[in-house]
Amino acid sequence: MDKLEYIPGDLVKFATNTYTIVNFEENFLYNKICYALISTNSTKTAFVAGRDILPIPLTPEILEKNGWVKDKEAYINDSYHLHLCGKYDRYSVYKVVNDNIVWLTDIRNVSDLQHLLFGLGINNEMEV
């Protein structure tokens, strides 16, 4: 079975639209994971293989739309006490705890950030 890259609630691109992952299941015939999607701006649905889904790159516009504020070289979300520092094609995520910087992970796209927020027990719903 392929590695599970997306979980229910993730925002992804399929064709030219943005969709939310609703569910997933393994197709035993082809040993692949298939995802059930629903469009974020209509009632369109789709059932597609993982290879047909594209991640949504994390951009400054998406971060700002979701409450992140640009501060010098990083994006900060005071609600979560998290910092995102852009580096090449990804962001390093860190948190300051007792005046110490704690690196959490690197993220590249919207679903990576959603997974991190979910893992921290933070609301992971986002707008694109």
Protein backbone atom coordinates (compact mmCIF):
# COMPACT_ATOMS: atom_id res chain seq x y z
CA MET A 1 0.00 0.00 0.00
CA ASP A 2 1.17 3.54 -0.74
CA LYS A 3 2.05 5.88 2.09
CA LEU A 4 -0.99 7.86 3.27
CA GLU A 5 -0.15 11.45 2.35
CA TYR A 6 -3.48 13.10 3.05
CA ILE A 7 -6.08 12.81 5.79
CA PRO A 8 -9.73 13.89 5.94
CA GLY A 9 -9.95 17.68 6.10
CA ASP A 10 -6.83 18.33 4.00
CA LEU A 11 -7.07 20.91 1.23
CA VAL A 12 -5.69 19.74 -2.13
CA LYS A 13 -5.84 20.54 -5.85
CA PHE A 14 -7.45 18.22 -8.36
CA ALA A 15 -7.73 19.34 -11.98
CA THR A 16 -8.25 23.11 -11.61
CA ASN A 17 -10.31 23.16 -8.41
CA THR A 18 -9.58 23.13 -4.69
CA TYR A 19 -11.04 20.16 -2.84
CA THR A 20 -11.25 18.90 0.72
CA ILE A 21 -10.33 15.27 1.42
CA VAL A 22 -13.44 13.58 2.81
CA ASN A 23 -12.33 9.98 3.08
CA PHE A 24 -9.81 7.49 1.73
CA GLU A 25 -9.69 3.77 1.09
CA GLU A 26 -7.28 1.27 -0.33
CA ASN A 27 -7.95 -0.12 -3.79
CA PHE A 28 -6.76 -3.70 -3.31
CA LEU A 29 -6.82 -4.45 -7.04
CA TYR A 30 -4.14 -1.85 -7.77
CA ASN A 31 -2.68 -1.65 -4.24
CA LYS A 32 -3.24 2.13 -4.27
CA ILE A 33 -4.96 4.58 -1.97
CA CYS A 34 -7.93 6.43 -3.43
CA TYR A 35 -9.40 9.61 -1.99
CA ALA A 36 -12.97 10.90 -1.90
CA LEU A 37 -13.00 14.67 -2.46
CA ILE A 38 -15.56 17.45 -2.24
CA SER A 39 -15.05 20.85 -3.87
CA THR A 40 -14.59 23.80 -1.52
CA ASN A 41 -16.63 26.16 -3.70
CA SER A 42 -19.42 23.92 -5.00
CA THR A 43 -20.96 20.51 -4.47
CA LYS A 44 -18.64 18.73 -6.93
CA THR A 45 -17.31 15.42 -5.69
CA ALA A 46 -14.63 13.12 -7.04
CA PHE A 47 -13.04 9.78 -6.20
CA VAL A 48 -9.43 9.79 -7.39
CA ALA A 49 -6.09 8.06 -7.00
CA GLY A 50 -3.48 9.77 -4.87
CA ARG A 51 -1.21 10.37 -7.88
CA ASP A 52 -3.88 12.66 -9.40
CA ILE A 53 -3.97 15.00 -6.39
CA LEU A 54 -1.60 17.93 -6.08
CA PRO A 55 -0.58 19.62 -2.84
CA ILE A 56 -1.34 23.33 -2.51
CA PRO A 57 1.92 25.26 -2.05
CA LEU A 58 2.07 27.34 1.11
CA THR A 59 2.22 31.00 0.06
CA PRO A 60 2.38 34.28 1.98
CA GLU A 61 -1.16 35.05 0.77
CA ILE A 62 -2.54 31.80 2.22
CA LEU A 63 -0.69 32.34 5.50
CA GLU A 64 -2.00 35.91 5.87
CA LYS A 65 -5.54 34.82 4.97
CA ASN A 66 -5.37 32.33 7.86
CA GLY A 67 -4.19 34.71 10.58
CA TRP A 68 -0.40 34.56 10.19
CA VAL A 69 1.40 37.93 10.41
CA LYS A 70 4.68 38.78 8.67
CA ASP A 71 7.34 39.84 11.18
CA LYS A 72 10.81 40.52 9.76
CA GLU A 73 11.84 37.19 8.24
CA ALA A 74 9.15 34.98 9.75
CA TYR A 75 5.40 34.53 9.94
CA ILE A 76 3.92 34.47 13.42
CA ASN A 77 0.57 33.26 14.65
CA ASP A 78 0.09 34.53 18.20
CA SER A 79 -2.96 32.31 18.69
CA TYR A 80 -0.78 29.22 18.26
CA HIS A 81 2.54 30.72 19.48
CA LEU A 82 4.18 29.30 16.35
CA HIS A 83 6.71 30.86 13.98
CA LEU A 84 7.27 29.96 10.31
CA CYS A 85 10.62 30.89 8.84
CA GLY A 86 10.82 30.70 5.02
CA LYS A 87 13.82 28.80 3.73
CA TYR A 88 14.26 27.84 0.07
CA ASP A 89 11.12 25.93 -0.96
CA ARG A 90 9.84 25.26 2.58
CA TYR A 91 9.13 26.82 5.95
CA SER A 92 10.78 25.75 9.19
CA VAL A 93 8.30 25.74 12.04
CA TYR A 94 9.45 26.59 15.52
CA LYS A 95 8.09 27.61 18.89
CA VAL A 96 9.72 29.66 21.65
CA VAL A 97 9.44 27.91 25.03
CA ASN A 98 11.02 29.50 28.13
CA ASP A 99 13.26 31.68 25.93
CA ASN A 100 14.46 28.60 24.00
CA ILE A 101 13.76 28.02 20.32
CA VAL A 102 12.26 24.58 19.69
CA TRP A 103 12.31 23.43 16.06
CA LEU A 104 9.24 21.35 15.22
CA THR A 105 9.40 20.42 11.53
CA ASP A 106 9.72 21.66 7.95
CA ILE A 107 6.58 22.14 5.88
CA ARG A 108 6.09 22.71 2.16
CA ASN A 109 2.36 22.90 1.56
CA VAL A 110 -1.05 23.55 3.09
CA SER A 111 -1.69 19.93 4.07
CA ASP A 112 1.70 19.77 5.87
CA LEU A 113 0.65 22.76 7.98
CA GLN A 114 -2.78 21.21 8.57
CA HIS A 115 -1.13 17.97 9.79
CA LEU A 116 1.13 19.90 12.17
CA LEU A 117 -1.78 21.90 13.61
CA PHE A 118 -3.85 18.72 13.96
CA GLY A 119 -0.97 16.99 15.75
CA LEU A 120 -0.69 19.91 18.17
CA GLY A 121 -4.43 19.77 18.88
CA ILE A 122 -5.04 23.10 17.12
CA ASN A 123 -7.90 23.85 14.70
CA ASN A 124 -6.51 22.85 11.30
CA GLU A 125 -9.26 24.26 9.07
CA MET A 126 -7.80 26.67 6.53
CA GLU A 127 -8.84 28.88 3.64
CA VAL A 128 -7.02 29.09 0.32
